[in-house]
Protein backbone atom coordinates (compact mmCIF):
# COMPACT_ATOMS: atom_id res chain seq x y z
CA MET A 1 -26.36 95.96 165.89
CA ASP A 2 -23.76 97.97 167.84
CA ILE A 3 -24.27 101.39 169.45
CA THR A 4 -22.33 103.29 166.78
CA SER A 5 -24.36 101.92 163.88
CA CYS A 6 -27.65 102.55 165.74
CA ILE A 7 -26.68 106.18 166.36
CA LEU A 8 -25.51 106.65 162.75
CA ASP A 9 -28.77 105.17 161.46
CA PHE A 10 -30.70 107.55 163.69
CA LEU A 11 -28.74 110.59 162.52
CA ASN A 12 -28.84 109.61 158.84
CA TYR A 13 -32.44 108.39 158.56
CA ARG A 14 -34.02 110.42 161.41
CA ALA A 15 -35.75 107.33 162.74
CA MET A 16 -35.08 105.15 165.74
CA ASP A 17 -36.28 101.65 166.50
CA PRO A 18 -39.14 102.11 169.02
CA LYS A 19 -37.57 99.60 171.41
CA PHE A 20 -34.71 102.07 172.00
CA ASN A 21 -37.18 104.75 173.06
CA TYR A 22 -38.71 102.62 175.81
CA THR A 23 -38.33 104.09 179.30
CA HIS A 24 -38.88 102.49 182.71
CA ILE A 25 -40.12 104.72 185.51
CA VAL A 26 -38.81 103.57 188.87
CA LEU A 27 -39.65 104.93 192.30
CA ILE A 28 -36.64 105.61 194.53
CA PRO A 29 -37.33 106.10 198.26
CA LYS A 30 -36.46 109.55 199.60
CA ARG A 31 -36.24 108.22 203.17
CA PRO A 32 -36.03 104.88 204.99
CA ASN A 33 -39.33 102.99 205.32
CA PRO A 34 -41.42 105.10 202.96
CA GLU A 35 -45.15 104.92 203.62
CA GLU A 36 -46.64 107.43 201.17
CA VAL A 37 -46.22 108.06 197.47
CA SER A 38 -44.71 111.48 198.26
CA HIS A 39 -41.86 109.65 200.03
CA PHE A 40 -40.63 108.42 196.65
CA ARG A 41 -38.83 110.16 193.80
CA PRO A 42 -39.63 108.88 190.30
CA ILE A 43 -36.69 108.48 187.94
CA SER A 44 -36.63 107.48 184.28
CA LEU A 45 -34.37 104.67 183.16
CA CYS A 46 -33.71 105.15 179.44
CA ASN A 47 -31.93 102.98 176.91
CA VAL A 48 -28.24 103.86 176.37
CA ILE A 49 -28.75 104.37 172.62
CA TYR A 50 -31.60 106.79 173.31
CA ARG A 51 -29.49 108.69 175.85
CA VAL A 52 -26.50 108.96 173.50
CA ALA A 53 -28.67 110.15 170.60
CA SER A 54 -30.41 112.65 172.87
CA LYS A 55 -27.09 114.00 174.14
CA MET A 56 -25.76 114.35 170.59
CA ILE A 57 -28.83 116.33 169.49
CA THR A 58 -28.58 118.50 172.61
CA ASN A 59 -24.91 119.26 171.94
CA ARG A 60 -25.64 120.12 168.31
CA LEU A 61 -28.45 122.50 169.31
CA LYS A 62 -26.53 124.24 172.12
CA PRO A 63 -25.01 126.96 169.90
CA PHE A 64 -28.51 127.91 168.70
CA MET A 65 -30.38 127.77 172.02
CA HIS A 66 -30.33 131.54 172.54
CA GLU A 67 -32.06 131.93 169.16
CA LEU A 68 -34.54 129.07 169.69
CA ILE A 69 -35.61 129.81 173.27
CA SER A 70 -37.36 133.05 174.20
CA GLU A 71 -35.51 135.50 176.44
CA ASN A 72 -38.46 135.18 178.81
CA GLN A 73 -37.48 131.62 179.70
CA SER A 74 -34.77 131.58 182.32
CA ALA A 75 -34.56 127.96 183.43
CA PHE A 76 -32.37 125.28 181.84
CA ILE A 77 -30.57 127.73 179.54
CA PRO A 78 -26.83 128.37 179.98
CA ASP A 79 -26.07 131.81 181.45
CA ARG A 80 -29.69 132.19 182.62
CA LEU A 81 -30.87 131.46 186.14
CA ILE A 82 -34.40 130.63 187.25
CA THR A 83 -33.73 132.77 190.32
CA ASP A 84 -33.55 135.81 188.02
CA ASN A 85 -37.35 135.62 188.06
CA ILE A 86 -37.31 136.63 191.72
CA LEU A 87 -35.59 139.89 190.80
CA VAL A 88 -38.08 140.51 187.99
CA ASP A 89 -40.96 139.89 190.42
CA TYR A 90 -39.48 142.26 193.00
CA GLU A 91 -38.91 145.02 190.45
CA LEU A 92 -42.41 144.63 188.99
CA ASN A 93 -44.07 144.73 192.41
CA HIS A 94 -41.98 147.76 193.38
CA TYR A 95 -42.96 149.53 190.16
CA LEU A 96 -46.66 148.72 190.58
CA SER A 97 -46.75 149.72 194.24
CA HIS A 98 -45.29 153.15 193.40
CA LYS A 99 -47.46 153.70 190.33
CA TYR A 100 -50.49 155.94 190.57
CA TRP A 101 -53.69 153.94 190.09
CA GLY A 102 -55.55 154.53 186.85
CA LYS A 103 -52.55 155.58 184.76
CA VAL A 104 -51.37 152.83 182.41
CA GLY A 105 -52.73 149.59 183.83
CA HIS A 106 -51.76 146.65 185.96
CA ALA A 107 -49.79 143.45 185.52
CA ALA A 108 -49.89 139.99 187.03
CA LEU A 109 -46.99 137.59 187.30
CA LYS A 110 -46.95 133.97 188.36
CA LEU A 111 -43.72 132.25 189.34
CA ASP A 112 -43.46 128.50 189.74
CA LEU A 113 -40.24 127.64 191.53
CA SER A 114 -41.54 124.45 193.14
CA ASN A 115 -40.24 120.96 192.48
CA ALA A 116 -41.57 119.38 189.32
CA TYR A 117 -42.91 116.36 191.19
CA ASP A 118 -44.97 118.55 193.53
CA ARG A 119 -47.35 118.93 190.59
CA VAL A 120 -47.65 115.24 189.67
CA GLU A 121 -51.19 113.89 189.58
CA TRP A 122 -50.40 111.07 192.01
CA ASN A 123 -53.67 109.13 191.55
CA PHE A 124 -53.07 108.96 187.80
CA PHE A 125 -49.43 108.00 188.39
CA LEU A 126 -50.46 105.17 190.73
CA ARG A 127 -53.03 103.85 188.23
CA VAL A 128 -50.36 103.81 185.51
CA LEU A 129 -47.96 101.91 187.76
CA GLU A 130 -50.65 99.41 188.76
CA SER A 131 -51.71 98.67 185.18
């Protein structure tokens, strides 16, 4: 079966052969002679048919993203920057620091601007790779 017919089948029947959705996770060294797990960057190697189908769906959804995704999410949306959260944090802290205590209330804000792989449960990841 060629790529075109696989993609057309996926779009027409909304089902994909599970073998096309199989992904290999490979560790790429971040530096020469890596000695720790944190010295590697995991990448996902996906099937071409899966990648093409995913890109087609993404392109079809792009015009509707502003309606589908909350205005509160600023990352990975065109015309929105994750760094905008820094400005929101600054303005909120400025507002709260100049507010008289006991008036309306307080607010808390948590920003996560760290790398996604900083939060990986490495022991679990190693067990998965070893199995």
